Protein backbone atom coordinates (compact mmCIF):
# COMPACT_ATOMS: atom_id res chain seq x y z
CA MET A 1 -28.21 -69.74 -194.22
CA LYS A 2 -31.87 -68.69 -194.22
CA GLY A 3 -34.25 -68.62 -197.15
CA LEU A 4 -37.45 -66.62 -197.65
CA TYR A 5 -39.83 -67.35 -200.52
CA ILE A 6 -41.98 -64.36 -201.44
CA GLY A 7 -45.15 -65.47 -203.19
CA SER A 8 -48.57 -63.97 -203.75
CA THR A 9 -52.25 -64.71 -204.09
CA GLY A 10 -52.24 -63.47 -207.69
CA SER A 11 -50.29 -61.76 -210.44
CA TRP A 12 -49.10 -58.15 -210.06
CA ALA A 13 -49.53 -58.32 -206.29
CA GLY A 14 -46.26 -56.57 -205.39
CA LYS A 15 -43.71 -59.39 -205.03
CA ASN A 16 -40.90 -57.35 -206.57
CA LEU A 17 -41.79 -54.46 -204.29
CA ALA A 18 -41.56 -56.74 -201.24
CA VAL A 19 -38.32 -58.37 -202.39
CA MET A 20 -36.58 -55.05 -203.01
CA ALA A 21 -37.77 -53.41 -199.78
CA ILE A 22 -36.92 -56.44 -197.62
CA GLY A 23 -33.60 -56.97 -199.38
CA LEU A 24 -32.54 -53.36 -198.90
CA TRP A 25 -33.57 -53.45 -195.24
CA LEU A 26 -31.63 -56.68 -194.61
CA GLN A 27 -28.57 -55.18 -196.26
CA ARG A 28 -28.84 -52.15 -193.99
CA GLU A 29 -28.90 -54.63 -191.10
CA GLY A 30 -25.50 -55.86 -192.26
CA LEU A 31 -26.66 -59.18 -193.73
CA ARG A 32 -25.33 -60.65 -196.96
CA VAL A 33 -28.38 -61.02 -199.18
CA GLY A 34 -28.75 -63.28 -202.20
CA TYR A 35 -31.63 -63.39 -204.67
CA MET A 36 -33.19 -65.66 -207.25
CA LYS A 37 -36.39 -65.93 -209.27
CA PRO A 38 -36.62 -69.62 -210.25
CA LEU A 39 -39.29 -69.14 -212.93
CA GLY A 40 -39.13 -66.27 -215.39
CA VAL A 41 -41.88 -65.24 -217.79
CA ARG A 42 -40.37 -62.07 -219.27
CA PRO A 43 -37.23 -63.19 -221.16
CA LYS A 44 -34.57 -60.52 -221.67
CA THR A 45 -31.09 -60.78 -223.15
CA VAL A 46 -28.25 -58.76 -221.64
CA ASP A 47 -24.71 -59.20 -222.99
CA GLU A 48 -25.88 -62.30 -224.88
CA VAL A 49 -27.14 -63.90 -221.66
CA VAL A 50 -30.84 -64.68 -221.33
CA GLY A 51 -32.55 -63.95 -218.03
CA ASP A 52 -35.80 -62.56 -216.66
CA GLU A 53 -36.52 -58.84 -217.02
CA ASP A 54 -37.77 -58.45 -213.44
CA ALA A 55 -34.84 -60.44 -212.07
CA PHE A 56 -32.32 -58.22 -213.88
CA PHE A 57 -33.98 -55.16 -212.37
CA VAL A 58 -34.15 -56.52 -208.80
CA GLN A 59 -30.48 -57.54 -208.97
CA GLU A 60 -29.59 -54.01 -210.06
CA VAL A 61 -31.53 -52.46 -207.16
CA LEU A 62 -29.91 -54.80 -204.63
CA GLY A 63 -26.45 -54.34 -206.13
CA LEU A 64 -26.06 -58.00 -207.09
CA GLU A 65 -24.26 -59.37 -210.16
CA ASP A 66 -24.99 -63.09 -210.10
CA ASP A 67 -25.22 -65.21 -213.24
CA PRO A 68 -28.71 -64.77 -214.77
CA ALA A 69 -28.73 -68.46 -215.68
CA LEU A 70 -28.55 -69.27 -211.97
CA VAL A 71 -30.84 -66.48 -210.82
CA THR A 72 -33.60 -67.59 -213.22
CA PRO A 73 -32.86 -71.19 -214.23
CA VAL A 74 -36.28 -71.84 -215.82
CA ILE A 75 -37.78 -69.41 -218.33
CA THR A 76 -41.20 -69.70 -219.97
CA PRO A 77 -42.23 -70.20 -222.77
CA ALA A 78 -38.99 -71.89 -223.79
CA ASN A 79 -39.40 -74.56 -221.09
CA LEU A 80 -42.95 -75.63 -222.03
CA ARG A 81 -41.42 -78.75 -223.58
CA THR A 82 -40.74 -79.95 -220.04
CA CYS A 83 -44.01 -81.75 -219.52
CA SER A 84 -42.97 -85.29 -218.58
CA LEU A 85 -42.61 -86.34 -214.95
CA ALA A 86 -38.89 -86.97 -215.48
CA ASP A 87 -38.34 -83.48 -216.85
CA ARG A 88 -40.32 -81.93 -213.98
CA LYS A 89 -38.04 -83.66 -211.49
CA ASN A 90 -34.98 -82.42 -213.38
CA GLU A 91 -36.23 -78.84 -213.33
CA LEU A 92 -36.69 -78.95 -209.56
CA GLU A 93 -33.20 -80.39 -209.12
CA TYR A 94 -31.82 -77.73 -211.46
CA VAL A 95 -33.37 -74.98 -209.35
CA ALA A 96 -32.08 -76.59 -206.15
CA THR A 97 -28.54 -76.71 -207.54
CA ALA A 98 -28.71 -73.06 -208.60
CA TYR A 99 -30.03 -72.13 -205.16
CA GLU A 100 -27.16 -73.94 -203.44
CA THR A 101 -24.62 -72.14 -205.62
CA LEU A 102 -26.13 -68.69 -205.10
CA SER A 103 -26.47 -69.16 -201.35
CA ARG A 104 -22.74 -69.66 -200.77
CA GLY A 105 -21.38 -66.82 -198.68
CA ARG A 106 -24.90 -65.40 -198.08
CA ASP A 107 -26.72 -65.00 -194.78
CA ILE A 108 -30.13 -65.10 -196.40
CA MET A 109 -31.63 -65.85 -199.81
CA LEU A 110 -34.74 -64.09 -201.11
CA ILE A 111 -36.69 -66.22 -203.57
CA SER A 112 -39.25 -64.44 -205.72
CA GLY A 113 -42.27 -66.34 -206.93
CA CYS A 114 -43.96 -65.83 -210.28
CA GLY A 115 -47.70 -65.38 -210.58
CA GLU A 116 -49.92 -67.14 -208.04
CA PHE A 117 -48.19 -69.10 -205.26
CA LEU A 118 -50.04 -72.40 -205.51
CA HIS A 119 -50.10 -73.00 -209.26
CA SER A 120 -47.59 -70.87 -211.19
CA GLY A 121 -44.67 -73.07 -212.24
CA ARG A 122 -46.61 -76.32 -211.80
CA HIS A 123 -45.91 -77.31 -215.42
CA ALA A 124 -42.22 -77.51 -214.49
CA GLY A 125 -42.72 -78.88 -210.98
CA ILE A 126 -41.47 -75.67 -209.37
CA GLU A 127 -44.66 -74.11 -208.01
CA GLY A 128 -44.38 -72.29 -204.69
CA PRO A 129 -45.16 -75.15 -202.26
CA ALA A 130 -42.74 -77.49 -204.07
CA LEU A 131 -39.88 -74.99 -203.78
CA VAL A 132 -40.63 -74.22 -200.13
CA ARG A 133 -40.47 -77.94 -199.31
CA GLU A 134 -37.45 -78.77 -201.47
CA LEU A 135 -35.31 -75.82 -200.37
CA GLY A 136 -36.45 -75.68 -196.74
CA LEU A 137 -37.76 -72.11 -197.00
CA LYS A 138 -40.11 -69.91 -195.06
CA ALA A 139 -42.81 -68.20 -197.12
CA LEU A 140 -44.12 -64.64 -197.04
CA ILE A 141 -47.33 -64.19 -199.01
CA VAL A 142 -48.21 -60.82 -200.57
CA ASP A 143 -51.97 -60.29 -200.89
CA ARG A 144 -53.02 -57.30 -202.97
CA TYR A 145 -56.43 -55.74 -202.54
CA ASP A 146 -58.67 -56.06 -205.60
CA SER A 147 -62.19 -55.32 -204.33
CA ALA A 148 -61.30 -57.44 -201.26
CA LEU A 149 -58.44 -59.27 -199.54
CA HIS A 150 -58.23 -63.01 -200.12
CA TYR A 151 -58.63 -64.56 -196.68
CA ASP A 152 -60.06 -67.85 -197.97
CA THR A 153 -57.00 -68.31 -200.16
CA LEU A 154 -54.71 -67.54 -197.24
CA LEU A 155 -56.43 -70.14 -195.07
CA GLY A 156 -55.79 -72.67 -197.82
CA TYR A 157 -52.11 -71.70 -198.06
CA HIS A 158 -51.75 -72.12 -194.30
CA GLU A 159 -53.11 -75.68 -194.47
CA ILE A 160 -50.46 -76.49 -197.07
CA LEU A 161 -47.50 -74.63 -195.56
CA GLU A 162 -48.21 -74.96 -191.82
CA ASP A 163 -45.17 -73.65 -189.89
CA ALA A 164 -43.40 -72.71 -193.11
CA LEU A 165 -45.76 -69.74 -193.51
CA ALA A 166 -43.87 -66.80 -192.03
CA GLY A 167 -46.77 -64.42 -192.54
CA VAL A 168 -48.79 -62.25 -194.89
CA LEU A 169 -48.14 -58.75 -196.21
CA PHE A 170 -51.27 -56.96 -197.43
CA ASN A 171 -50.62 -54.53 -200.26
CA ASP A 172 -52.37 -51.65 -201.99
CA VAL A 173 -55.17 -51.47 -199.41
CA PRO A 174 -57.44 -48.44 -199.95
CA GLU A 175 -58.10 -46.05 -197.12
CA ASP A 176 -61.77 -46.97 -196.75
CA TYR A 177 -60.84 -50.64 -196.20
CA LEU A 178 -57.98 -50.15 -193.76
CA ARG A 179 -60.10 -50.20 -190.61
CA ASP A 180 -61.84 -53.46 -191.58
CA ALA A 181 -58.46 -55.00 -192.40
CA GLU A 182 -56.94 -53.94 -189.08
CA ASP A 183 -59.91 -54.54 -186.77
CA ILE A 184 -61.53 -57.60 -188.34
CA LEU A 185 -59.28 -59.44 -190.79
CA VAL A 186 -55.97 -59.33 -188.92
CA PRO A 187 -57.42 -60.68 -185.63
CA TYR A 188 -59.35 -63.35 -187.55
CA LEU A 189 -56.19 -64.59 -189.28
CA ALA A 190 -54.30 -64.52 -185.97
CA GLU A 191 -56.90 -66.88 -184.53
CA HIS A 192 -55.96 -69.28 -187.32
CA ASP A 193 -52.20 -68.90 -186.70
CA ILE A 194 -51.62 -66.74 -189.77
CA PRO A 195 -49.51 -63.69 -188.83
CA ALA A 196 -50.36 -60.49 -190.67
CA LEU A 197 -46.97 -58.78 -190.80
CA GLY A 198 -48.11 -55.52 -192.33
CA ILE A 199 -50.66 -53.54 -194.32
CA VAL A 200 -49.29 -51.33 -197.09
CA PRO A 201 -51.79 -48.55 -197.89
CA ARG A 202 -52.70 -47.66 -201.44
CA ASP A 203 -50.47 -45.08 -203.08
CA ARG A 204 -51.47 -44.00 -206.57
CA LEU A 205 -47.94 -42.90 -207.44
CA LEU A 206 -46.72 -46.51 -207.50
CA ASN A 207 -49.09 -47.43 -210.32
CA ALA A 208 -48.73 -44.12 -212.15
CA ILE A 209 -47.60 -43.98 -215.77
CA LYS A 210 -46.32 -41.24 -218.08
CA ALA A 211 -48.62 -40.09 -220.86
CA VAL A 212 -46.10 -40.97 -223.56
CA GLU A 213 -45.80 -44.56 -222.31
CA LEU A 214 -49.56 -44.78 -221.92
CA ALA A 215 -50.01 -43.84 -225.57
CA TRP A 216 -47.66 -46.65 -226.57
CA ARG A 217 -49.34 -49.20 -224.30
CA LEU A 218 -52.78 -48.28 -225.69
CA GLY A 219 -51.59 -48.45 -229.29
CA GLY A 220 -52.49 -44.79 -229.79
CA ARG A 221 -50.74 -41.59 -230.87
CA ILE A 222 -50.27 -38.20 -229.24
CA VAL A 223 -51.75 -35.58 -231.60
CA SER A 224 -51.22 -32.46 -229.47
CA GLY A 225 -49.64 -31.38 -226.18
CA ASN A 226 -46.46 -33.30 -227.00
CA ARG A 227 -44.23 -31.03 -224.92
CA GLU A 228 -45.98 -32.30 -221.77
CA SER A 229 -45.96 -36.00 -222.74
CA GLY A 230 -44.09 -36.80 -219.53
CA ARG A 231 -47.08 -35.86 -217.35
CA ILE A 232 -48.05 -38.50 -214.80
CA VAL A 233 -51.37 -40.36 -214.92
CA GLU A 234 -52.42 -41.99 -211.63
CA ASP A 235 -55.96 -43.08 -212.48
CA PHE A 236 -58.66 -42.62 -215.11
CA LEU A 237 -62.30 -41.72 -215.47
CA ILE A 238 -64.78 -42.18 -218.30
CA GLY A 239 -66.60 -39.23 -219.81
CA THR A 240 -69.96 -40.55 -221.01
CA MET A 241 -72.41 -38.37 -219.06
CA GLN A 242 -74.02 -34.96 -219.35
CA VAL A 243 -71.67 -32.00 -219.04
CA ASP A 244 -72.99 -30.77 -215.66
CA ASN A 245 -72.69 -34.22 -214.06
CA PHE A 246 -69.30 -34.76 -215.61
CA MET A 247 -67.95 -31.46 -214.23
CA SER A 248 -68.92 -32.47 -210.70
CA HIS A 249 -67.46 -35.98 -211.13
CA PHE A 250 -64.28 -34.66 -212.74
CA LYS A 251 -63.39 -32.38 -209.81
CA GLN A 252 -63.17 -35.42 -207.51
CA HIS A 253 -60.54 -37.20 -209.62
CA ALA A 254 -57.27 -35.29 -209.67
CA ASN A 255 -54.43 -36.67 -211.82
CA SER A 256 -56.88 -38.92 -213.70
CA ALA A 257 -56.73 -39.31 -217.45
CA THR A 258 -60.10 -38.73 -219.11
CA ILE A 259 -61.32 -41.31 -221.61
CA VAL A 260 -63.97 -39.81 -223.87
CA GLY A 261 -65.42 -40.38 -227.31
CA GLY A 262 -63.65 -38.48 -230.05
CA ASP A 263 -66.96 -36.84 -230.98
CA ARG A 264 -67.68 -35.43 -227.50
CA THR A 265 -66.04 -32.02 -227.87
CA ASP A 266 -68.10 -30.65 -224.96
CA LEU A 267 -66.65 -33.14 -222.45
CA GLN A 268 -63.18 -32.77 -223.93
CA LEU A 269 -63.26 -29.03 -223.22
CA VAL A 270 -64.38 -29.63 -219.62
CA ALA A 271 -61.46 -32.02 -219.06
CA LEU A 272 -58.95 -29.63 -220.61
CA GLU A 273 -60.17 -26.64 -218.62
CA GLY A 274 -60.00 -28.77 -215.48
CA GLN A 275 -56.30 -29.54 -216.16
CA CYS A 276 -56.62 -33.31 -216.51
CA PRO A 277 -53.12 -34.78 -216.98
CA CYS A 278 -54.04 -36.53 -220.23
CA LEU A 279 -57.02 -36.73 -222.59
CA ILE A 280 -57.71 -40.02 -224.39
CA LEU A 281 -60.04 -39.81 -227.40
CA THR A 282 -61.59 -43.06 -228.60
CA GLY A 283 -62.99 -44.17 -231.96
CA ASN A 284 -59.94 -42.98 -233.96
CA ILE A 285 -61.45 -39.49 -234.28
CA THR A 286 -58.94 -36.65 -234.57
CA PRO A 287 -59.87 -33.65 -232.38
CA ASP A 288 -60.87 -30.35 -233.97
CA GLU A 289 -58.72 -27.26 -233.93
CA ILE A 290 -60.34 -25.84 -230.78
CA ILE A 291 -59.37 -28.93 -228.77
CA ARG A 292 -55.86 -28.95 -230.21
CA ALA A 293 -55.37 -25.28 -229.36
CA ARG A 294 -56.60 -25.68 -225.78
CA SER A 295 -54.45 -28.79 -225.39
CA GLU A 296 -51.33 -26.88 -226.39
CA ALA A 297 -52.25 -23.87 -224.23
CA ARG A 298 -52.99 -26.02 -221.17
CA GLY A 299 -50.10 -28.42 -221.70
CA VAL A 300 -52.35 -31.50 -221.78
CA PRO A 301 -51.34 -34.39 -224.07
CA VAL A 302 -54.18 -35.67 -226.27
CA ILE A 303 -54.00 -39.35 -227.26
CA VAL A 304 -56.13 -40.74 -230.08
CA VAL A 305 -56.89 -44.48 -230.02
CA ARG A 306 -58.87 -46.71 -232.37
CA GLU A 307 -60.94 -48.69 -229.87
CA ASP A 308 -64.21 -47.75 -228.20
CA THR A 309 -64.39 -46.10 -224.78
CA TYR A 310 -65.13 -49.19 -222.69
CA SER A 311 -62.47 -51.32 -224.39
CA VAL A 312 -59.91 -48.61 -223.66
CA ALA A 313 -61.11 -48.38 -220.05
CA ARG A 314 -60.54 -52.12 -219.57
CA LYS A 315 -57.05 -51.77 -221.01
CA MET A 316 -56.34 -48.80 -218.75
CA GLU A 317 -57.30 -50.76 -215.66
CA GLU A 318 -54.98 -53.61 -216.63
CA ILE A 319 -52.12 -51.24 -217.45
CA LEU A 320 -52.33 -49.38 -214.15
CA ASN A 321 -52.67 -52.61 -212.14
CA SER A 322 -49.66 -54.17 -213.84
CA GLN A 323 -47.44 -51.09 -213.91
CA LYS A 324 -43.92 -52.12 -212.91
CA LEU A 325 -41.66 -50.30 -210.48
CA ARG A 326 -38.89 -49.03 -212.71
CA GLU A 327 -38.24 -45.43 -211.67
CA LEU A 328 -36.00 -44.49 -208.75
CA VAL A 329 -38.59 -42.19 -207.18
CA LYS A 330 -41.13 -45.03 -207.19
CA ILE A 331 -38.68 -47.52 -205.70
CA ARG A 332 -37.82 -45.17 -202.84
CA ARG A 333 -41.49 -44.43 -202.20
CA ALA A 334 -42.42 -48.11 -202.31
CA ALA A 335 -39.58 -49.18 -200.02
CA GLN A 336 -40.59 -46.52 -197.52
CA LEU A 337 -44.21 -47.70 -197.57
CA VAL A 338 -43.16 -51.30 -196.92
CA ASP A 339 -40.67 -50.27 -194.25
CA ASN A 340 -43.40 -48.32 -192.45
CA ALA A 341 -45.84 -51.22 -192.64
CA LEU A 342 -43.83 -54.44 -192.28
CA ASP A 343 -43.07 -55.87 -188.84
CA TYR A 344 -39.41 -56.64 -189.54
CA PRO A 345 -38.61 -57.92 -186.02
CA ALA A 346 -41.43 -60.47 -186.30
CA LEU A 347 -40.22 -61.52 -189.76
CA LYS A 348 -36.64 -61.94 -188.52
CA ALA A 349 -37.92 -64.04 -185.64
CA LYS A 350 -39.83 -66.25 -188.07
CA LEU A 351 -36.63 -66.69 -190.08
CA GLY A 352 -34.68 -67.67 -187.00
CA PHE A 353 -32.34 -64.68 -186.75
């Protein structure tokens, strides 16, 4: 029985995406796949059983029905009491026992990390390196682009994992960085015995969010255009400039919500006429009747929020970066992107198949 730990260089890197895509591919190959997420941070109760929200979802996608208490044996914050060395050892043994039980009758187990590979779970003694050693796993590291790829971190992981590092999957890499990643970074890592198993290009759809959910996440309210509250927002831009400059900037950002002060009726009209998918007005200022009428006519939801423009922009960036894969169309798209990028034969060879 083989085991693959899927960790990452940071939070929201795409571990669930990798687990689901790899799991579905292995199942198509005829292998019996098991899954666990040793540390959960999003408690959820289903049929009076507590588990991790992401773990419930991944099990559903992979068609698994294992006991949530085994799939996610340690859940934060309830386990923060486990701070003594004796308790840490017990947590690791507890995870190992759950792993042994889940692996029965399986050809391969996929183990999903939580947060950053090196440190997340350290309070319970179940951080990534500890689990890889204890359970005899190979590790695949997902590295998501956020202004750069984290090659220094990967070099450090390799020193710790050595032969247990199966490879790296780069995720969400923008088009203008792809050539550098392929021509410079991948060969450099290969020289240091770190296999780059794939580069998943950026796809805005995967981080997209519906306007109605965006309003809820921002703590705002939709004041007009409600019938189109299901419109998809892929990105955002900030309207703080002169009208002429804003018009030119706006045309380059399709499917981007526009964040603008509630008192800037001029910029609001430009965004509405340009068919932005969603208009976000800051400062808790209700739009005038002209804006409401154009919103209804154009089918553009208008969200009013209390905070200032830059505070909302920071929230928007976090929301889009942390947007979970929950819709079937996104899962299919994501799995296809990973399938197109990941060198599955090389991964299977690393696993010993």
